[in-house]
Amino acid sequence: MSGASASGGIRSALFQCVQQVRNYDYHHYLCLLELPPNMRKAAFALRAFNIETARAMDVASDPKIGLMRLLWWQEAIDKIFANKLIEHPTAKALSSLISEHKINKGWLKRSVEARITDAKREVSDIPETVEELERYAEDTVSTLLYMTLQAGGIKSTAADHAASHIGKASGLLLLLKSLPYHANHNLFEIASVANSHLQKARELAGTVPNKARPVLLPTVPAQVLLDSLSCAQFDVFDLRLTRGILGIRPLWYQLKLKWLSWRVKY
């Protein structure tokens, strides 16, 4: 394949990643638009990868097919790091990202393996503790933020700690909203833990470098969802949660995001 053809293929793959995030993760799509241009490509590739693995079980006609898809991604990561070509848009975008930024393989594998473990669970074997849910959120969401920081060349312990808390909060809240079978847990307890993680992340703000703060803007959708759940009295079936963006008007959501971005806060 010529250099021009390869370059065109990567551009096409990245475009498809952007569209995928826009279609299936719109509230984070808007967050990623606030990133500096040199970080956006990496962030969109990582979010598209997250969508691929997060939706694997949901779109499969049979749970076994969904699990096979996750196992395919587990193998695909190994192939990407072995410089093998995979004809899949998100895999191509990831390959370009890894080649350019030397993304940590362990974080990618950890994310897929957490999804695989979750997919293998029987209904009666749903995690019983909030700690297990936190660990799942860390493995599947916080890792995305770690890799985005890494792609931006940002080395900051404070930023990593904030990313850990934000990922846990986001993951816990999305579990509450999108997986009603977690209703056997105390929803208020989980929401309280998520809120605590958001507070801890903000307490670190003074020590987080300015260039890392746009990566941490997912505090906005997390806080919006937390507030919407609170207004709905933590009833995950309340129709108000399906309106607009995470239960609020799109314009209001974008204003919140723009305001924090303009102030270089999260």
C-alpha atoms as a PDB file:
ATOM      1  CA  MET A   1       0.000   0.000   0.000  1.00  0.00           C
ATOM      2  CA  SER A   2       1.404   3.409  -0.962  1.00  0.00           C
ATOM      3  CA  GLY A   3       2.002   6.106   1.630  1.00  0.00           C
ATOM      4  CA  ALA A   4      -0.818   8.207   0.191  1.00  0.00           C
ATOM      5  CA  SER A   5      -3.249   5.274   0.296  1.00  0.00           C
ATOM      6  CA  ALA A   6      -2.274   4.416   3.872  1.00  0.00           C
ATOM      7  CA  SER A   7      -2.670   8.037   4.948  1.00  0.00           C
ATOM      8  CA  GLY A   8      -6.075   8.227   3.276  1.00  0.00           C
ATOM      9  CA  GLY A   9      -7.126   5.002   4.969  1.00  0.00           C
ATOM     10  CA  ILE A  10      -6.192   6.365   8.387  1.00  0.00           C
ATOM     11  CA  ARG A  11      -8.043   9.632   7.754  1.00  0.00           C
ATOM     12  CA  SER A  12     -11.128   7.664   6.735  1.00  0.00           C
ATOM     13  CA  ALA A  13     -10.827   5.482   9.845  1.00  0.00           C
ATOM     14  CA  LEU A  14     -10.512   8.517  12.098  1.00  0.00           C
ATOM     15  CA  PHE A  15     -13.524  10.153  10.451  1.00  0.00           C
ATOM     16  CA  GLN A  16     -15.564   7.015  11.148  1.00  0.00           C
ATOM     17  CA  CYS A  17     -14.398   7.089  14.777  1.00  0.00           C
ATOM     18  CA  VAL A  18     -15.590  10.683  15.147  1.00  0.00           C
ATOM     19  CA  GLN A  19     -18.976   9.809  13.653  1.00  0.00           C
ATOM     20  CA  GLN A  20     -19.274   6.765  15.895  1.00  0.00           C
ATOM     21  CA  VAL A  21     -18.650   8.826  19.027  1.00  0.00           C
ATOM     22  CA  ARG A  22     -21.090  11.467  17.819  1.00  0.00           C
ATOM     23  CA  ASN A  23     -23.794   8.860  17.222  1.00  0.00           C
ATOM     24  CA  TYR A  24     -23.405   6.732  20.338  1.00  0.00           C
ATOM     25  CA  ASP A  25     -21.699   8.899  22.971  1.00  0.00           C
ATOM     26  CA  TYR A  26     -22.823  12.425  22.158  1.00  0.00           C
ATOM     27  CA  HIS A  27     -22.246  13.955  25.587  1.00  0.00           C
ATOM     28  CA  HIS A  28     -18.595  12.882  25.454  1.00  0.00           C
ATOM     29  CA  TYR A  29     -18.355  13.867  21.779  1.00  0.00           C
ATOM     30  CA  LEU A  30     -19.017  17.444  22.878  1.00  0.00           C
ATOM     31  CA  CYS A  31     -16.361  17.114  25.592  1.00  0.00           C
ATOM     32  CA  LEU A  32     -13.766  15.948  23.073  1.00  0.00           C
ATOM     33  CA  LEU A  33     -14.390  18.966  20.852  1.00  0.00           C
ATOM     34  CA  GLU A  34     -12.985  21.101  23.694  1.00  0.00           C
ATOM     35  CA  LEU A  35      -9.631  19.321  23.533  1.00  0.00           C
ATOM     36  CA  PRO A  36      -6.630  20.927  21.807  1.00  0.00           C
ATOM     37  CA  PRO A  37      -6.435  19.817  18.141  1.00  0.00           C
ATOM     38  CA  ASN A  38      -3.285  17.757  18.778  1.00  0.00           C
ATOM     39  CA  MET A  39      -5.190  15.565  21.258  1.00  0.00           C
ATOM     40  CA  ARG A  40      -8.521  15.114  19.501  1.00  0.00           C
ATOM     41  CA  LYS A  41      -7.533  12.327  17.103  1.00  0.00           C
ATOM     42  CA  ALA A  42      -6.260  10.160  19.933  1.00  0.00           C
ATOM     43  CA  ALA A  43      -9.274  10.897  22.114  1.00  0.00           C
ATOM     44  CA  PHE A  44     -11.778  10.043  19.382  1.00  0.00           C
ATOM     45  CA  ALA A  45      -9.968   6.800  18.535  1.00  0.00           C
ATOM     46  CA  LEU A  46     -10.018   5.770  22.198  1.00  0.00           C
ATOM     47  CA  ARG A  47     -13.683   6.667  22.665  1.00  0.00           C
ATOM     48  CA  ALA A  48     -14.614   4.755  19.520  1.00  0.00           C
ATOM     49  CA  PHE A  49     -12.741   1.732  20.876  1.00  0.00           C
ATOM     50  CA  ASN A  50     -14.702   2.098  24.116  1.00  0.00           C
ATOM     51  CA  ILE A  51     -17.982   2.167  22.186  1.00  0.00           C
ATOM     52  CA  GLU A  52     -17.011  -0.980  20.273  1.00  0.00           C
ATOM     53  CA  THR A  53     -16.366  -2.921  23.479  1.00  0.00           C
ATOM     54  CA  ALA A  54     -19.164  -1.355  25.544  1.00  0.00           C
ATOM     55  CA  ARG A  55     -21.812  -2.182  22.914  1.00  0.00           C
ATOM     56  CA  ALA A  56     -20.522  -5.642  21.993  1.00  0.00           C
ATOM     57  CA  MET A  57     -23.022  -7.453  24.209  1.00  0.00           C
ATOM     58  CA  ASP A  58     -25.908  -5.062  23.539  1.00  0.00           C
ATOM     59  CA  VAL A  59     -25.904  -5.382  19.747  1.00  0.00           C
ATOM     60  CA  ALA A  60     -25.280  -9.131  19.596  1.00  0.00           C
ATOM     61  CA  SER A  61     -28.231 -11.414  18.856  1.00  0.00           C
ATOM     62  CA  ASP A  62     -26.731 -13.972  21.206  1.00  0.00           C
ATOM     63  CA  PRO A  63     -24.546 -13.366  24.312  1.00  0.00           C
ATOM     64  CA  LYS A  64     -21.988 -15.830  22.958  1.00  0.00           C
ATOM     65  CA  ILE A  65     -21.603 -13.716  19.825  1.00  0.00           C
ATOM     66  CA  GLY A  66     -21.073 -10.609  21.961  1.00  0.00           C
ATOM     67  CA  LEU A  67     -18.428 -12.416  23.992  1.00  0.00           C
ATOM     68  CA  MET A  68     -16.710 -13.571  20.793  1.00  0.00           C
ATOM     69  CA  ARG A  69     -16.579  -9.942  19.667  1.00  0.00           C
ATOM     70  CA  LEU A  70     -14.862  -8.944  22.896  1.00  0.00           C
ATOM     71  CA  LEU A  71     -12.388 -11.803  22.537  1.00  0.00           C
ATOM     72  CA  TRP A  72     -11.743 -10.599  18.977  1.00  0.00           C
ATOM     73  CA  TRP A  73     -10.809  -7.183  20.372  1.00  0.00           C
ATOM     74  CA  GLN A  74      -8.543  -8.796  22.945  1.00  0.00           C
ATOM     75  CA  GLU A  75      -6.658 -10.514  20.130  1.00  0.00           C
ATOM     76  CA  ALA A  76      -6.779  -7.393  17.955  1.00  0.00           C
ATOM     77  CA  ILE A  77      -4.848  -5.399  20.558  1.00  0.00           C
ATOM     78  CA  ASP A  78      -2.061  -7.976  20.492  1.00  0.00           C
ATOM     79  CA  LYS A  79      -1.981  -7.837  16.689  1.00  0.00           C
ATOM     80  CA  ILE A  80      -1.908  -4.030  16.667  1.00  0.00           C
ATOM     81  CA  PHE A  81       1.096  -3.982  18.997  1.00  0.00           C
ATOM     82  CA  ALA A  82       2.719  -6.606  16.765  1.00  0.00           C
ATOM     83  CA  ASN A  83       2.313  -4.162  13.840  1.00  0.00           C
ATOM     84  CA  LYS A  84      -0.158  -6.394  12.022  1.00  0.00           C
ATOM     85  CA  LEU A  85      -2.749  -4.746   9.793  1.00  0.00           C
ATOM     86  CA  ILE A  86      -6.399  -5.191  10.796  1.00  0.00           C
ATOM     87  CA  GLU A  87      -9.097  -4.160   8.350  1.00  0.00           C
ATOM     88  CA  HIS A  88     -11.350  -2.449  10.847  1.00  0.00           C
ATOM     89  CA  PRO A  89     -11.766   1.365  11.084  1.00  0.00           C
ATOM     90  CA  THR A  90     -11.379   1.628  14.850  1.00  0.00           C
ATOM     91  CA  ALA A  91      -8.491  -0.844  14.875  1.00  0.00           C
ATOM     92  CA  LYS A  92      -6.764   1.183  12.147  1.00  0.00           C
ATOM     93  CA  ALA A  93      -7.243   4.401  14.114  1.00  0.00           C
ATOM     94  CA  LEU A  94      -5.916   2.732  17.263  1.00  0.00           C
ATOM     95  CA  SER A  95      -2.917   1.410  15.373  1.00  0.00           C
ATOM     96  CA  SER A  96      -2.083   4.923  14.175  1.00  0.00           C
ATOM     97  CA  LEU A  97      -2.556   6.288  17.682  1.00  0.00           C
ATOM     98  CA  ILE A  98      -0.317   3.648  19.260  1.00  0.00           C
ATOM     99  CA  SER A  99       2.372   4.155  16.635  1.00  0.00           C
ATOM    100  CA  GLU A 100       2.382   7.917  17.157  1.00  0.00           C
ATOM    101  CA  HIS A 101       1.977   8.158  20.932  1.00  0.00           C
ATOM    102  CA  LYS A 102       3.209   4.811  22.335  1.00  0.00           C
ATOM    103  CA  ILE A 103      -0.018   4.206  24.267  1.00  0.00           C
ATOM    104  CA  ASN A 104       0.224   1.754  27.152  1.00  0.00           C
ATOM    105  CA  LYS A 105      -0.895  -1.701  26.014  1.00  0.00           C
ATOM    106  CA  GLY A 106      -1.795  -2.708  29.565  1.00  0.00           C
ATOM    107  CA  TRP A 107      -4.556  -0.116  29.803  1.00  0.00           C
ATOM    108  CA  LEU A 108      -6.173  -1.243  26.555  1.00  0.00           C
ATOM    109  CA  LYS A 109      -6.018  -4.898  27.596  1.00  0.00           C
ATOM    110  CA  ARG A 110      -7.341  -4.085  31.064  1.00  0.00           C
ATOM    111  CA  SER A 111     -10.367  -2.371  29.562  1.00  0.00           C
ATOM    112  CA  VAL A 112     -11.292  -5.295  27.294  1.00  0.00           C
ATOM    113  CA  GLU A 113     -10.616  -7.896  29.961  1.00  0.00           C
ATOM    114  CA  ALA A 114     -12.955  -6.096  32.368  1.00  0.00           C
ATOM    115  CA  ARG A 115     -15.682  -6.206  29.695  1.00  0.00           C
ATOM    116  CA  ILE A 116     -15.020  -9.903  29.063  1.00  0.00           C
ATOM    117  CA  THR A 117     -15.239 -10.731  32.768  1.00  0.00           C
ATOM    118  CA  ASP A 118     -18.489  -8.802  33.027  1.00  0.00           C
ATOM    119  CA  ALA A 119     -19.897 -10.521  29.927  1.00  0.00           C
ATOM    120  CA  LYS A 120     -19.220 -13.937  31.423  1.00  0.00           C
ATOM    121  CA  ARG A 121     -21.213 -13.203  34.551  1.00  0.00           C
ATOM    122  CA  GLU A 122     -24.544 -14.890  34.978  1.00  0.00           C
ATOM    123  CA  VAL A 123     -27.510 -12.733  36.018  1.00  0.00           C
ATOM    124  CA  SER A 124     -27.302 -14.201  39.516  1.00  0.00           C
ATOM    125  CA  ASP A 125     -23.629 -13.324  39.712  1.00  0.00           C
ATOM    126  CA  ILE A 126     -23.913  -9.544  39.405  1.00  0.00           C
ATOM    127  CA  PRO A 127     -21.267  -7.778  41.544  1.00  0.00           C
ATOM    128  CA  GLU A 128     -22.573  -7.471  45.091  1.00  0.00           C
ATOM    129  CA  THR A 129     -20.391  -4.652  46.332  1.00  0.00           C
ATOM    130  CA  VAL A 130     -19.932  -1.049  45.328  1.00  0.00           C
ATOM    131  CA  GLU A 131     -16.181  -1.697  45.427  1.00  0.00           C
ATOM    132  CA  GLU A 132     -16.524  -4.198  42.569  1.00  0.00           C
ATOM    133  CA  LEU A 133     -18.513  -1.692  40.536  1.00  0.00           C
ATOM    134  CA  GLU A 134     -15.875   0.960  41.242  1.00  0.00           C
ATOM    135  CA  ARG A 135     -13.159  -1.388  40.007  1.00  0.00           C
ATOM    136  CA  TYR A 136     -15.116  -2.059  36.815  1.00  0.00           C
ATOM    137  CA  ALA A 137     -15.574   1.696  36.257  1.00  0.00           C
ATOM    138  CA  GLU A 138     -11.859   2.261  36.857  1.00  0.00           C
ATOM    139  CA  ASP A 139     -10.891  -0.443  34.363  1.00  0.00           C
ATOM    140  CA  THR A 140     -13.286   0.647  31.627  1.00  0.00           C
ATOM    141  CA  VAL A 141     -13.554   4.437  32.003  1.00  0.00           C
ATOM    142  CA  SER A 142     -10.601   5.784  33.976  1.00  0.00           C
ATOM    143  CA  THR A 143      -8.242   3.976  31.600  1.00  0.00           C
ATOM    144  CA  LEU A 144      -9.619   6.041  28.700  1.00  0.00           C
ATOM    145  CA  LEU A 145      -8.625   9.224  30.504  1.00  0.00           C
ATOM    146  CA  TYR A 146      -5.177   7.849  31.392  1.00  0.00           C
ATOM    147  CA  MET A 147      -4.533   7.043  27.733  1.00  0.00           C
ATOM    148  CA  THR A 148      -5.804  10.425  26.548  1.00  0.00           C
ATOM    149  CA  LEU A 149      -3.454  12.160  28.988  1.00  0.00           C
ATOM    150  CA  GLN A 150      -0.623   9.952  27.765  1.00  0.00           C
ATOM    151  CA  ALA A 151      -1.416  10.771  24.134  1.00  0.00           C
ATOM    152  CA  GLY A 152      -1.191  14.452  25.021  1.00  0.00           C
ATOM    153  CA  GLY A 153       2.264  13.946  26.517  1.00  0.00           C
ATOM    154  CA  ILE A 154       0.941  14.885  29.968  1.00  0.00           C
ATOM    155  CA  LYS A 155       2.792  13.355  32.907  1.00  0.00           C
ATOM    156  CA  SER A 156       1.134  14.395  36.135  1.00  0.00           C
ATOM    157  CA  THR A 157       0.354  12.292  39.191  1.00  0.00           C
ATOM    158  CA  ALA A 158      -2.367  14.753  40.186  1.00  0.00           C
ATOM    159  CA  ALA A 159      -3.986  14.538  36.747  1.00  0.00           C
ATOM    160  CA  ASP A 160      -3.874  10.734  36.898  1.00  0.00           C
ATOM    161  CA  HIS A 161      -5.482  10.738  40.349  1.00  0.00           C
ATOM    162  CA  ALA A 162      -8.200  13.124  39.167  1.00  0.00           C
ATOM    163  CA  ALA A 163      -8.761  10.954  36.079  1.00  0.00           C
ATOM    164  CA  SER A 164      -9.152   7.900  38.312  1.00  0.00           C
ATOM    165  CA  HIS A 165     -11.858   9.586  40.386  1.00  0.00           C
ATOM    166  CA  ILE A 166     -13.666  11.018  37.349  1.00  0.00           C
ATOM    167  CA  GLY A 167     -13.623   7.661  35.577  1.00  0.00           C
ATOM    168  CA  LYS A 168     -15.044   5.914  38.624  1.00  0.00           C
ATOM    169  CA  ALA A 169     -17.774   8.523  39.030  1.00  0.00           C
ATOM    170  CA  SER A 170     -18.696   8.429  35.326  1.00  0.00           C
ATOM    171  CA  GLY A 171     -18.696   4.650  35.192  1.00  0.00           C
ATOM    172  CA  LEU A 172     -20.840   4.235  38.296  1.00  0.00           C
ATOM    173  CA  LEU A 173     -23.409   6.772  37.122  1.00  0.00           C
ATOM    174  CA  LEU A 174     -23.653   5.268  33.639  1.00  0.00           C
ATOM    175  CA  LEU A 175     -24.187   1.849  35.202  1.00  0.00           C
ATOM    176  CA  LEU A 176     -27.099   3.259  37.167  1.00  0.00           C
ATOM    177  CA  LYS A 177     -28.644   4.862  34.098  1.00  0.00           C
ATOM    178  CA  SER A 178     -28.103   2.208  31.458  1.00  0.00           C
ATOM    179  CA  LEU A 179     -28.195  -1.064  33.373  1.00  0.00           C
ATOM    180  CA  PRO A 180     -31.435  -1.267  35.362  1.00  0.00           C
ATOM    181  CA  TYR A 181     -30.506  -4.724  36.642  1.00  0.00           C
ATOM    182  CA  HIS A 182     -28.237  -2.941  39.104  1.00  0.00           C
ATOM    183  CA  ALA A 183     -31.417  -1.836  40.838  1.00  0.00           C
ATOM    184  CA  ASN A 184     -30.819  -4.554  43.417  1.00  0.00           C
ATOM    185  CA  HIS A 185     -28.142  -2.258  44.816  1.00  0.00           C
ATOM    186  CA  ASN A 186     -28.836   0.806  46.916  1.00  0.00           C
ATOM    187  CA  LEU A 187     -28.912   3.343  44.078  1.00  0.00           C
ATOM    188  CA  PHE A 188     -28.493   6.277  46.418  1.00  0.00           C
ATOM    189  CA  GLU A 189     -25.398   4.658  47.924  1.00  0.00           C
ATOM    190  CA  ILE A 190     -23.791   4.227  44.497  1.00  0.00           C
ATOM    191  CA  ALA A 191     -24.697   7.786  43.508  1.00  0.00           C
ATOM    192  CA  SER A 192     -23.196   9.051  46.758  1.00  0.00           C
ATOM    193  CA  VAL A 193     -19.943   7.222  46.041  1.00  0.00           C
ATOM    194  CA  ALA A 194     -19.901   8.725  42.528  1.00  0.00           C
ATOM    195  CA  ASN A 195     -20.476  12.195  43.973  1.00  0.00           C
ATOM    196  CA  SER A 196     -17.609  11.657  46.413  1.00  0.00           C
ATOM    197  CA  HIS A 197     -15.291  10.783  43.523  1.00  0.00           C
ATOM    198  CA  LEU A 198     -16.277  13.975  41.681  1.00  0.00           C
ATOM    199  CA  GLN A 199     -15.548  16.038  44.780  1.00  0.00           C
ATOM    200  CA  LYS A 200     -12.145  14.391  45.236  1.00  0.00           C
ATOM    201  CA  ALA A 201     -11.292  15.047  41.585  1.00  0.00           C
ATOM    202  CA  ARG A 202     -12.156  18.735  41.980  1.00  0.00           C
ATOM    203  CA  GLU A 203     -10.135  18.995  45.182  1.00  0.00           C
ATOM    204  CA  LEU A 204      -7.101  18.049  43.097  1.00  0.00           C
ATOM    205  CA  ALA A 205      -7.773  20.811  40.556  1.00  0.00           C
ATOM    206  CA  GLY A 206      -5.218  23.194  42.014  1.00  0.00           C
ATOM    207  CA  THR A 207      -2.406  20.711  41.422  1.00  0.00           C
ATOM    208  CA  VAL A 208      -3.538  19.521  37.975  1.00  0.00           C
ATOM    209  CA  PRO A 209      -1.643  21.191  35.082  1.00  0.00           C
ATOM    210  CA  ASN A 210      -3.747  23.484  32.906  1.00  0.00           C
ATOM    211  CA  LYS A 211      -3.019  21.418  29.793  1.00  0.00           C
ATOM    212  CA  ALA A 212      -4.532  18.335  31.479  1.00  0.00           C
ATOM    213  CA  ARG A 213      -7.794  19.970  32.496  1.00  0.00           C
ATOM    214  CA  PRO A 214      -9.627  19.718  29.131  1.00  0.00           C
ATOM    215  CA  VAL A 215      -9.136  15.920  29.294  1.00  0.00           C
ATOM    216  CA  LEU A 216     -11.014  15.948  32.609  1.00  0.00           C
ATOM    217  CA  LEU A 217     -14.133  17.701  31.286  1.00  0.00           C
ATOM    218  CA  PRO A 218     -16.130  14.444  31.553  1.00  0.00           C
ATOM    219  CA  THR A 219     -16.918  15.771  35.024  1.00  0.00           C
ATOM    220  CA  VAL A 220     -19.627  17.751  33.225  1.00  0.00           C
ATOM    221  CA  PRO A 221     -21.706  14.818  31.904  1.00  0.00           C
ATOM    222  CA  ALA A 222     -21.096  12.971  35.174  1.00  0.00           C
ATOM    223  CA  GLN A 223     -22.402  15.887  37.257  1.00  0.00           C
ATOM    224  CA  VAL A 224     -25.330  16.479  34.902  1.00  0.00           C
ATOM    225  CA  LEU A 225     -26.338  12.824  35.109  1.00  0.00           C
ATOM    226  CA  LEU A 226     -25.972  12.832  38.890  1.00  0.00           C
ATOM    227  CA  ASP A 227     -28.200  15.901  39.141  1.00  0.00           C
ATOM    228  CA  SER A 228     -30.754  14.404  36.743  1.00  0.00           C
ATOM    229  CA  LEU A 229     -30.867  11.160  38.715  1.00  0.00           C
ATOM    230  CA  SER A 230     -31.357  13.150  41.898  1.00  0.00           C
ATOM    231  CA  CYS A 231     -34.256  15.083  40.352  1.00  0.00           C
ATOM    232  CA  ALA A 232     -35.790  11.752  39.314  1.00  0.00           C
ATOM    233  CA  GLN A 233     -35.318  10.458  42.872  1.00  0.00           C
ATOM    234  CA  PHE A 234     -32.894   7.864  41.488  1.00  0.00           C
ATOM    235  CA  ASP A 235     -35.597   6.160  39.456  1.00  0.00           C
ATOM    236  CA  VAL A 236     -33.611   4.869  36.474  1.00  0.00           C
ATOM    237  CA  PHE A 237     -36.857   4.334  34.549  1.00  0.00           C
ATOM    238  CA  ASP A 238     -37.951   7.987  34.841  1.00  0.00           C
ATOM    239  CA  LEU A 239     -38.561   9.300  31.310  1.00  0.00           C
ATOM    240  CA  ARG A 240     -36.990  12.633  32.202  1.00  0.00           C
ATOM    241  CA  LEU A 241     -33.592  10.933  32.008  1.00  0.00           C
ATOM    242  CA  THR A 242     -34.129  10.255  28.289  1.00  0.00           C
ATOM    243  CA  ARG A 243     -34.757  13.899  27.390  1.00  0.00           C
ATOM    244  CA  GLY A 244     -32.160  16.171  25.828  1.00  0.00           C
ATOM    245  CA  ILE A 245     -28.630  15.320  26.926  1.00  0.00           C
ATOM    246  CA  LEU A 246     -28.625  13.216  30.090  1.00  0.00           C
ATOM    247  CA  GLY A 247     -31.919  14.741  31.152  1.00  0.00           C
ATOM    248  CA  ILE A 248     -31.280  18.439  30.477  1.00  0.00           C
ATOM    249  CA  ARG A 249     -31.680  20.710  27.462  1.00  0.00           C
ATOM    250  CA  PRO A 250     -28.825  20.398  24.927  1.00  0.00           C
ATOM    251  CA  LEU A 251     -28.155  24.141  24.961  1.00  0.00           C
ATOM    252  CA  TRP A 252     -27.876  24.182  28.749  1.00  0.00           C
ATOM    253  CA  TYR A 253     -25.489  21.219  28.645  1.00  0.00           C
ATOM    254  CA  GLN A 254     -23.277  22.896  26.051  1.00  0.00           C
ATOM    255  CA  LEU A 255     -23.229  26.147  28.030  1.00  0.00           C
ATOM    256  CA  LYS A 256     -22.050  24.298  31.136  1.00  0.00           C
ATOM    257  CA  LEU A 257     -19.330  22.614  29.113  1.00  0.00           C
ATOM    258  CA  LYS A 258     -18.209  25.795  27.346  1.00  0.00           C
ATOM    259  CA  TRP A 259     -18.149  27.785  30.590  1.00  0.00           C
ATOM    260  CA  LEU A 260     -15.809  25.339  32.341  1.00  0.00           C
ATOM    261  CA  SER A 261     -13.680  24.935  29.212  1.00  0.00           C
ATOM    262  CA  TRP A 262     -13.294  28.715  28.853  1.00  0.00           C
ATOM    263  CA  ARG A 263     -12.254  28.977  32.501  1.00  0.00           C
ATOM    264  CA  VAL A 264      -9.833  26.030  32.105  1.00  0.00           C
ATOM    265  CA  LYS A 265     -11.627  24.161  34.882  1.00  0.00           C
ATOM    266  CA  TYR A 266     -13.334  20.784  35.152  1.00  0.00           C
END
